[in-house]
Amino acid sequence: MNYEHKVQREIADWEHKMFKPPGWLEKTSKTIGNRINHLIPPKVHSIITTTIRSIVRTSLFGAEYTPNRPVQHTLELENADQEAKELFALYQKVAVAEGAGTGAGGIMFSMVDFPALIAIKMKFLFELSHVYGYDTKHFSERVFILKVFQMTFSGQENRARLLHSIKHWHMEKEQWLSDADYAQNMDWETFQIEYRDAMDFRKMLQMVPGIGAVAGAWANYTILEELRESAMNAYRLRRLHDGFVDLG
């Protein structure tokens, strides 16, 4: 089996896993997460919501997350995958250390963890884009990053729509050559609610006294792993479509 066929099988397995009906553990986690969620002060939720909007806007319209890493226009897919895994290992270690440190500090320090974790995710995605040969200086690539981010932390219905968009990005990207209308058309409320809900159970445990450090490290470890899987497969889909030649 050549590497391209291996990747296609892995992508098929990933898609199947994404759309499996939630099992008992997922349903139970969601129920517990909702209960814990009601105990968190509204002010904390307000801060989280404002932070999500601010960081996402910065990633779309600013230069803060543009990496120094050169765009790897000629890297073969197998080599790109290997480099992506090495990059991920670095960011996952940072996220775990950050989650453990803020989790040990209780609810106030855990509030700091939300913006820090989003920033870590965005930096990882921007660098990953360059690994696979796509330049984040182009606005359409930043929109693609946001769609990968959304897909990872969305419910199944929205996830299917986003995956369709990613699979047909060679056509859809043409409408995102400019940032003129994107901010006005963005459904910020849905984006923020889905992202927050996707992490509620894990991240709310981080605020529980006595287990915060362990819960914070575990939460960030698993959340980064979910993002890696979605992001790598999204870029693999594009590379399979675009071919393994110069993407520049």
C-alpha atoms as a PDB file:
ATOM      1  CA  MET A   1       0.000   0.000   0.000  1.00  0.00           C
ATOM      2  CA  ASN A   2       1.489   3.374  -0.977  1.00  0.00           C
ATOM      3  CA  TYR A   3       1.364   6.350   1.370  1.00  0.00           C
ATOM      4  CA  GLU A   4      -1.503   8.064  -0.435  1.00  0.00           C
ATOM      5  CA  HIS A   5      -3.771   5.011   0.014  1.00  0.00           C
ATOM      6  CA  LYS A   6      -2.763   4.763   3.668  1.00  0.00           C
ATOM      7  CA  VAL A   7      -3.739   8.399   4.217  1.00  0.00           C
ATOM      8  CA  GLN A   8      -7.076   7.912   2.428  1.00  0.00           C
ATOM      9  CA  ARG A   9      -7.945   5.011   4.735  1.00  0.00           C
ATOM     10  CA  GLU A  10      -6.983   7.011   7.820  1.00  0.00           C
ATOM     11  CA  ILE A  11      -9.139   9.921   6.654  1.00  0.00           C
ATOM     12  CA  ALA A  12     -12.095   7.570   6.088  1.00  0.00           C
ATOM     13  CA  ASP A  13     -11.685   6.154   9.620  1.00  0.00           C
ATOM     14  CA  TRP A  14     -11.513   9.676  11.040  1.00  0.00           C
ATOM     15  CA  GLU A  15     -14.707  10.740   9.259  1.00  0.00           C
ATOM     16  CA  HIS A  16     -16.517   7.641  10.507  1.00  0.00           C
ATOM     17  CA  LYS A  17     -15.427   8.363  14.073  1.00  0.00           C
ATOM     18  CA  MET A  18     -16.521  11.997  13.838  1.00  0.00           C
ATOM     19  CA  PHE A  19     -20.075  11.112  12.945  1.00  0.00           C
ATOM     20  CA  LYS A  20     -20.644   8.144  15.242  1.00  0.00           C
ATOM     21  CA  PRO A  21     -23.631   8.654  17.563  1.00  0.00           C
ATOM     22  CA  PRO A  22     -22.499   9.762  21.036  1.00  0.00           C
ATOM     23  CA  GLY A  23     -21.969   6.871  23.427  1.00  0.00           C
ATOM     24  CA  TRP A  24     -22.839   6.561  27.102  1.00  0.00           C
ATOM     25  CA  LEU A  25     -19.640   8.263  28.261  1.00  0.00           C
ATOM     26  CA  GLU A  26     -20.119  11.258  25.960  1.00  0.00           C
ATOM     27  CA  LYS A  27     -23.754  11.680  27.015  1.00  0.00           C
ATOM     28  CA  THR A  28     -22.871  11.388  30.704  1.00  0.00           C
ATOM     29  CA  SER A  29     -20.006  13.856  30.345  1.00  0.00           C
ATOM     30  CA  LYS A  30     -22.333  16.322  28.646  1.00  0.00           C
ATOM     31  CA  THR A  31     -24.915  16.015  31.433  1.00  0.00           C
ATOM     32  CA  ILE A  32     -22.319  16.518  34.158  1.00  0.00           C
ATOM     33  CA  GLY A  33     -20.751  19.354  32.194  1.00  0.00           C
ATOM     34  CA  ASN A  34     -24.085  21.148  31.944  1.00  0.00           C
ATOM     35  CA  ARG A  35     -24.581  20.863  35.706  1.00  0.00           C
ATOM     36  CA  ILE A  36     -21.122  22.192  36.460  1.00  0.00           C
ATOM     37  CA  ASN A  37     -21.656  24.901  33.875  1.00  0.00           C
ATOM     38  CA  HIS A  38     -24.613  26.305  35.823  1.00  0.00           C
ATOM     39  CA  LEU A  39     -22.387  26.725  38.881  1.00  0.00           C
ATOM     40  CA  ILE A  40     -19.912  28.977  37.068  1.00  0.00           C
ATOM     41  CA  PRO A  41     -20.613  32.705  37.624  1.00  0.00           C
ATOM     42  CA  PRO A  42     -22.068  34.543  34.605  1.00  0.00           C
ATOM     43  CA  LYS A  43     -19.119  36.946  34.748  1.00  0.00           C
ATOM     44  CA  VAL A  44     -16.750  34.065  33.995  1.00  0.00           C
ATOM     45  CA  HIS A  45     -18.809  32.993  30.980  1.00  0.00           C
ATOM     46  CA  SER A  46     -18.873  36.592  29.771  1.00  0.00           C
ATOM     47  CA  ILE A  47     -15.088  36.820  29.984  1.00  0.00           C
ATOM     48  CA  ILE A  48     -14.699  33.534  28.092  1.00  0.00           C
ATOM     49  CA  THR A  49     -17.062  34.684  25.334  1.00  0.00           C
ATOM     50  CA  THR A  50     -15.323  38.046  24.924  1.00  0.00           C
ATOM     51  CA  THR A  51     -11.933  36.337  24.859  1.00  0.00           C
ATOM     52  CA  ILE A  52     -12.947  33.867  22.158  1.00  0.00           C
ATOM     53  CA  ARG A  53     -14.217  36.669  19.931  1.00  0.00           C
ATOM     54  CA  SER A  54     -11.113  38.792  20.491  1.00  0.00           C
ATOM     55  CA  ILE A  55      -8.569  36.059  19.760  1.00  0.00           C
ATOM     56  CA  VAL A  56     -10.410  34.774  16.701  1.00  0.00           C
ATOM     57  CA  ARG A  57     -10.640  38.314  15.295  1.00  0.00           C
ATOM     58  CA  THR A  58      -6.918  38.769  15.888  1.00  0.00           C
ATOM     59  CA  SER A  59      -6.105  35.529  14.099  1.00  0.00           C
ATOM     60  CA  LEU A  60      -8.209  36.531  11.091  1.00  0.00           C
ATOM     61  CA  PHE A  61      -7.281  40.190  10.721  1.00  0.00           C
ATOM     62  CA  GLY A  62      -3.964  40.640  12.547  1.00  0.00           C
ATOM     63  CA  ALA A  63      -0.389  39.488  12.091  1.00  0.00           C
ATOM     64  CA  GLU A  64       0.171  38.148  15.602  1.00  0.00           C
ATOM     65  CA  TYR A  65      -0.096  34.473  14.676  1.00  0.00           C
ATOM     66  CA  THR A  66       1.738  34.603  11.339  1.00  0.00           C
ATOM     67  CA  PRO A  67       4.623  32.158  11.893  1.00  0.00           C
ATOM     68  CA  ASN A  68       8.290  32.669  11.106  1.00  0.00           C
ATOM     69  CA  ARG A  69       8.348  29.112   9.773  1.00  0.00           C
ATOM     70  CA  PRO A  70       8.747  29.198   5.976  1.00  0.00           C
ATOM     71  CA  VAL A  71       5.951  27.834   3.811  1.00  0.00           C
ATOM     72  CA  GLN A  72       6.970  24.295   2.777  1.00  0.00           C
ATOM     73  CA  HIS A  73       5.878  24.435  -0.860  1.00  0.00           C
ATOM     74  CA  THR A  74       7.712  21.289  -1.995  1.00  0.00           C
ATOM     75  CA  LEU A  75       7.484  18.998   1.036  1.00  0.00           C
ATOM     76  CA  GLU A  76       6.120  15.534   0.183  1.00  0.00           C
ATOM     77  CA  LEU A  77       2.948  14.581   2.054  1.00  0.00           C
ATOM     78  CA  GLU A  78       4.648  11.842   4.099  1.00  0.00           C
ATOM     79  CA  ASN A  79       7.354  14.271   5.197  1.00  0.00           C
ATOM     80  CA  ALA A  80       4.772  16.959   5.913  1.00  0.00           C
ATOM     81  CA  ASP A  81       2.858  14.522   8.131  1.00  0.00           C
ATOM     82  CA  GLN A  82       6.026  13.699  10.064  1.00  0.00           C
ATOM     83  CA  GLU A  83       6.885  17.358  10.544  1.00  0.00           C
ATOM     84  CA  ALA A  84       3.292  18.042  11.605  1.00  0.00           C
ATOM     85  CA  LYS A  85       3.514  15.357  14.308  1.00  0.00           C
ATOM     86  CA  GLU A  86       6.760  16.817  15.630  1.00  0.00           C
ATOM     87  CA  LEU A  87       5.206  20.284  15.695  1.00  0.00           C
ATOM     88  CA  PHE A  88       2.157  18.958  17.511  1.00  0.00           C
ATOM     89  CA  ALA A  89       4.264  17.215  20.182  1.00  0.00           C
ATOM     90  CA  LEU A  90       5.820  20.574  21.043  1.00  0.00           C
ATOM     91  CA  TYR A  91       2.502  22.414  21.283  1.00  0.00           C
ATOM     92  CA  GLN A  92       0.845  19.628  23.258  1.00  0.00           C
ATOM     93  CA  LYS A  93       3.603  19.771  25.875  1.00  0.00           C
ATOM     94  CA  VAL A  94       3.115  23.526  26.182  1.00  0.00           C
ATOM     95  CA  ALA A  95      -0.667  23.117  26.528  1.00  0.00           C
ATOM     96  CA  VAL A  96      -0.366  20.376  29.174  1.00  0.00           C
ATOM     97  CA  ALA A  97       2.064  22.431  31.259  1.00  0.00           C
ATOM     98  CA  GLU A  98      -0.152  25.482  30.954  1.00  0.00           C
ATOM     99  CA  GLY A  99      -3.290  23.525  31.921  1.00  0.00           C
ATOM    100  CA  ALA A 100      -1.623  21.964  34.954  1.00  0.00           C
ATOM    101  CA  GLY A 101      -0.259  25.300  36.136  1.00  0.00           C
ATOM    102  CA  THR A 102      -3.499  27.241  35.854  1.00  0.00           C
ATOM    103  CA  GLY A 103      -5.571  24.299  37.132  1.00  0.00           C
ATOM    104  CA  ALA A 104      -3.575  24.255  40.357  1.00  0.00           C
ATOM    105  CA  GLY A 105      -4.608  27.852  40.980  1.00  0.00           C
ATOM    106  CA  GLY A 106      -8.357  27.262  41.124  1.00  0.00           C
ATOM    107  CA  ILE A 107     -11.150  29.114  39.371  1.00  0.00           C
ATOM    108  CA  MET A 108      -9.414  32.477  38.975  1.00  0.00           C
ATOM    109  CA  PHE A 109      -6.310  31.001  37.383  1.00  0.00           C
ATOM    110  CA  SER A 110      -8.466  28.733  35.235  1.00  0.00           C
ATOM    111  CA  MET A 111     -10.033  31.832  33.717  1.00  0.00           C
ATOM    112  CA  VAL A 112      -6.545  32.680  32.446  1.00  0.00           C
ATOM    113  CA  ASP A 113      -6.293  29.233  30.845  1.00  0.00           C
ATOM    114  CA  PHE A 114      -9.092  29.807  28.343  1.00  0.00           C
ATOM    115  CA  PRO A 115      -7.421  32.605  26.361  1.00  0.00           C
ATOM    116  CA  ALA A 116      -4.017  30.937  26.722  1.00  0.00           C
ATOM    117  CA  LEU A 117      -5.307  27.632  25.313  1.00  0.00           C
ATOM    118  CA  ILE A 118      -7.057  29.301  22.376  1.00  0.00           C
ATOM    119  CA  ALA A 119      -3.845  31.173  21.568  1.00  0.00           C
ATOM    120  CA  ILE A 120      -1.853  27.910  21.676  1.00  0.00           C
ATOM    121  CA  LYS A 121      -4.344  26.296  19.284  1.00  0.00           C
ATOM    122  CA  MET A 122      -4.212  29.190  16.860  1.00  0.00           C
ATOM    123  CA  LYS A 123      -0.412  29.286  16.823  1.00  0.00           C
ATOM    124  CA  PHE A 124      -0.342  25.545  16.168  1.00  0.00           C
ATOM    125  CA  LEU A 125      -2.823  25.831  13.283  1.00  0.00           C
ATOM    126  CA  PHE A 126      -0.976  28.707  11.653  1.00  0.00           C
ATOM    127  CA  GLU A 127       2.317  26.816  11.775  1.00  0.00           C
ATOM    128  CA  LEU A 128       0.627  23.643  10.548  1.00  0.00           C
ATOM    129  CA  SER A 129      -0.660  25.508   7.511  1.00  0.00           C
ATOM    130  CA  HIS A 130       2.906  26.380   6.525  1.00  0.00           C
ATOM    131  CA  VAL A 131       4.044  22.787   7.076  1.00  0.00           C
ATOM    132  CA  TYR A 132       1.508  21.591   4.494  1.00  0.00           C
ATOM    133  CA  GLY A 133       2.420  24.337   2.025  1.00  0.00           C
ATOM    134  CA  TYR A 134      -0.308  26.954   2.504  1.00  0.00           C
ATOM    135  CA  ASP A 135       0.629  30.571   3.236  1.00  0.00           C
ATOM    136  CA  THR A 136      -1.285  32.225   6.107  1.00  0.00           C
ATOM    137  CA  LYS A 137      -0.585  35.662   4.656  1.00  0.00           C
ATOM    138  CA  HIS A 138      -3.552  34.937   2.393  1.00  0.00           C
ATOM    139  CA  PHE A 139      -6.871  35.711   4.049  1.00  0.00           C
ATOM    140  CA  SER A 140      -8.511  32.605   2.586  1.00  0.00           C
ATOM    141  CA  GLU A 141      -5.999  30.436   4.477  1.00  0.00           C
ATOM    142  CA  ARG A 142      -6.944  32.116   7.728  1.00  0.00           C
ATOM    143  CA  VAL A 143     -10.598  31.423   7.047  1.00  0.00           C
ATOM    144  CA  PHE A 144      -9.682  27.797   6.372  1.00  0.00           C
ATOM    145  CA  ILE A 145      -7.913  27.652   9.759  1.00  0.00           C
ATOM    146  CA  LEU A 146     -11.017  29.018  11.450  1.00  0.00           C
ATOM    147  CA  LYS A 147     -13.196  26.405   9.741  1.00  0.00           C
ATOM    148  CA  VAL A 148     -10.871  23.627  10.942  1.00  0.00           C
ATOM    149  CA  PHE A 149     -11.044  25.096  14.447  1.00  0.00           C
ATOM    150  CA  GLN A 150     -14.849  25.250  14.296  1.00  0.00           C
ATOM    151  CA  MET A 151     -15.196  21.745  12.899  1.00  0.00           C
ATOM    152  CA  THR A 152     -13.171  20.280  15.761  1.00  0.00           C
ATOM    153  CA  PHE A 153     -15.417  21.794  18.417  1.00  0.00           C
ATOM    154  CA  SER A 154     -18.827  21.758  16.706  1.00  0.00           C
ATOM    155  CA  GLY A 155     -21.872  19.580  17.050  1.00  0.00           C
ATOM    156  CA  GLN A 156     -22.474  16.918  14.392  1.00  0.00           C
ATOM    157  CA  GLU A 157     -24.817  18.960  12.188  1.00  0.00           C
ATOM    158  CA  ASN A 158     -22.490  21.942  11.931  1.00  0.00           C
ATOM    159  CA  ARG A 159     -19.484  19.607  11.689  1.00  0.00           C
ATOM    160  CA  ALA A 160     -20.897  17.997   8.545  1.00  0.00           C
ATOM    161  CA  ARG A 161     -21.379  21.404   6.917  1.00  0.00           C
ATOM    162  CA  LEU A 162     -17.833  22.461   7.785  1.00  0.00           C
ATOM    163  CA  LEU A 163     -16.326  19.211   6.528  1.00  0.00           C
ATOM    164  CA  HIS A 164     -18.137  19.691   3.211  1.00  0.00           C
ATOM    165  CA  SER A 165     -16.668  23.184   3.013  1.00  0.00           C
ATOM    166  CA  ILE A 166     -13.167  21.858   3.708  1.00  0.00           C
ATOM    167  CA  LYS A 167     -13.496  19.128   1.073  1.00  0.00           C
ATOM    168  CA  HIS A 168     -14.502  21.713  -1.531  1.00  0.00           C
ATOM    169  CA  TRP A 169     -12.108  24.435  -0.418  1.00  0.00           C
ATOM    170  CA  HIS A 170     -10.533  24.690  -3.885  1.00  0.00           C
ATOM    171  CA  MET A 171     -13.830  26.285  -4.963  1.00  0.00           C
ATOM    172  CA  GLU A 172     -14.994  27.987  -1.776  1.00  0.00           C
ATOM    173  CA  LYS A 173     -11.722  29.814  -1.095  1.00  0.00           C
ATOM    174  CA  GLU A 174     -12.382  32.113  -4.054  1.00  0.00           C
ATOM    175  CA  GLN A 175     -15.031  33.959  -2.044  1.00  0.00           C
ATOM    176  CA  TRP A 176     -12.540  34.694   0.762  1.00  0.00           C
ATOM    177  CA  LEU A 177      -9.845  36.534  -1.135  1.00  0.00           C
ATOM    178  CA  SER A 178     -10.746  39.667   0.841  1.00  0.00           C
ATOM    179  CA  ASP A 179     -11.706  40.240   4.461  1.00  0.00           C
ATOM    180  CA  ALA A 180     -14.217  42.953   3.563  1.00  0.00           C
ATOM    181  CA  ASP A 181     -17.423  41.151   4.600  1.00  0.00           C
ATOM    182  CA  TYR A 182     -16.244  38.226   6.684  1.00  0.00           C
ATOM    183  CA  ALA A 183     -16.528  39.786  10.161  1.00  0.00           C
ATOM    184  CA  GLN A 184     -20.050  41.048   9.443  1.00  0.00           C
ATOM    185  CA  ASN A 185     -21.229  37.647   8.195  1.00  0.00           C
ATOM    186  CA  MET A 186     -19.639  35.594  10.965  1.00  0.00           C
ATOM    187  CA  ASP A 187     -22.148  33.893  13.288  1.00  0.00           C
ATOM    188  CA  TRP A 188     -20.226  34.733  16.455  1.00  0.00           C
ATOM    189  CA  GLU A 189     -22.913  33.540  18.870  1.00  0.00           C
ATOM    190  CA  THR A 190     -23.093  29.998  17.465  1.00  0.00           C
ATOM    191  CA  PHE A 191     -19.325  29.803  17.206  1.00  0.00           C
ATOM    192  CA  GLN A 192     -18.774  30.831  20.831  1.00  0.00           C
ATOM    193  CA  ILE A 193     -21.510  28.597  22.278  1.00  0.00           C
ATOM    194  CA  GLU A 194     -20.360  25.488  20.403  1.00  0.00           C
ATOM    195  CA  TYR A 195     -16.728  26.016  21.316  1.00  0.00           C
ATOM    196  CA  ARG A 196     -17.513  26.592  24.984  1.00  0.00           C
ATOM    197  CA  ASP A 197     -19.908  23.639  25.159  1.00  0.00           C
ATOM    198  CA  ALA A 198     -17.395  21.298  23.504  1.00  0.00           C
ATOM    199  CA  MET A 199     -14.980  21.832  26.383  1.00  0.00           C
ATOM    200  CA  ASP A 200     -17.296  22.425  29.323  1.00  0.00           C
ATOM    201  CA  PHE A 201     -16.945  19.101  31.144  1.00  0.00           C
ATOM    202  CA  ARG A 202     -13.176  18.857  30.856  1.00  0.00           C
ATOM    203  CA  LYS A 203     -12.383  22.493  31.499  1.00  0.00           C
ATOM    204  CA  MET A 204     -14.904  22.929  34.301  1.00  0.00           C
ATOM    205  CA  LEU A 205     -13.282  20.034  36.190  1.00  0.00           C
ATOM    206  CA  GLN A 206     -10.141  22.129  36.125  1.00  0.00           C
ATOM    207  CA  MET A 207     -11.856  24.591  38.454  1.00  0.00           C
ATOM    208  CA  VAL A 208     -12.637  21.958  41.106  1.00  0.00           C
ATOM    209  CA  PRO A 209     -10.348  22.351  44.150  1.00  0.00           C
ATOM    210  CA  GLY A 210      -7.957  19.471  44.727  1.00  0.00           C
ATOM    211  CA  ILE A 211      -8.017  18.023  41.214  1.00  0.00           C
ATOM    212  CA  GLY A 212      -7.522  21.187  39.159  1.00  0.00           C
ATOM    213  CA  ALA A 213      -3.909  20.562  38.135  1.00  0.00           C
ATOM    214  CA  VAL A 214      -4.505  16.980  36.995  1.00  0.00           C
ATOM    215  CA  ALA A 215      -7.802  17.875  35.311  1.00  0.00           C
ATOM    216  CA  GLY A 216      -6.227  20.870  33.569  1.00  0.00           C
ATOM    217  CA  ALA A 217      -3.347  18.823  32.187  1.00  0.00           C
ATOM    218  CA  TRP A 218      -5.709  16.027  31.044  1.00  0.00           C
ATOM    219  CA  ALA A 219      -8.158  18.477  29.466  1.00  0.00           C
ATOM    220  CA  ASN A 220      -5.528  20.313  27.463  1.00  0.00           C
ATOM    221  CA  TYR A 221      -3.875  17.057  26.393  1.00  0.00           C
ATOM    222  CA  THR A 222      -7.109  15.611  24.975  1.00  0.00           C
ATOM    223  CA  ILE A 223      -8.315  18.892  23.477  1.00  0.00           C
ATOM    224  CA  LEU A 224      -5.042  19.383  21.591  1.00  0.00           C
ATOM    225  CA  GLU A 225      -5.175  15.788  20.365  1.00  0.00           C
ATOM    226  CA  GLU A 226      -8.653  16.348  18.927  1.00  0.00           C
ATOM    227  CA  LEU A 227      -7.449  19.487  17.175  1.00  0.00           C
ATOM    228  CA  ARG A 228      -4.390  17.709  15.748  1.00  0.00           C
ATOM    229  CA  GLU A 229      -6.492  14.916  14.285  1.00  0.00           C
ATOM    230  CA  SER A 230      -8.973  17.268  12.647  1.00  0.00           C
ATOM    231  CA  ALA A 231      -6.358  19.722  11.407  1.00  0.00           C
ATOM    232  CA  MET A 232      -3.949  17.168   9.967  1.00  0.00           C
ATOM    233  CA  ASN A 233      -6.738  15.356   8.141  1.00  0.00           C
ATOM    234  CA  ALA A 234      -8.176  18.613   6.804  1.00  0.00           C
ATOM    235  CA  TYR A 235      -4.811  19.534   5.303  1.00  0.00           C
ATOM    236  CA  ARG A 236      -4.302  15.981   4.054  1.00  0.00           C
ATOM    237  CA  LEU A 237      -7.620  16.233   2.199  1.00  0.00           C
ATOM    238  CA  ARG A 238      -6.379  19.382   0.508  1.00  0.00           C
ATOM    239  CA  ARG A 239      -3.021  17.874  -0.386  1.00  0.00           C
ATOM    240  CA  LEU A 240      -4.683  14.802  -1.872  1.00  0.00           C
ATOM    241  CA  HIS A 241      -6.808  17.078  -4.017  1.00  0.00           C
ATOM    242  CA  ASP A 242      -4.010  19.511  -4.928  1.00  0.00           C
ATOM    243  CA  GLY A 243      -1.408  16.809  -5.515  1.00  0.00           C
ATOM    244  CA  PHE A 244       2.005  16.329  -3.969  1.00  0.00           C
ATOM    245  CA  VAL A 245       3.741  18.866  -6.176  1.00  0.00           C
ATOM    246  CA  ASP A 246       4.701  22.500  -5.576  1.00  0.00           C
ATOM    247  CA  LEU A 247       1.713  24.276  -4.006  1.00  0.00           C
ATOM    248  CA  GLY A 248       3.144  27.764  -4.246  1.00  0.00           C
END
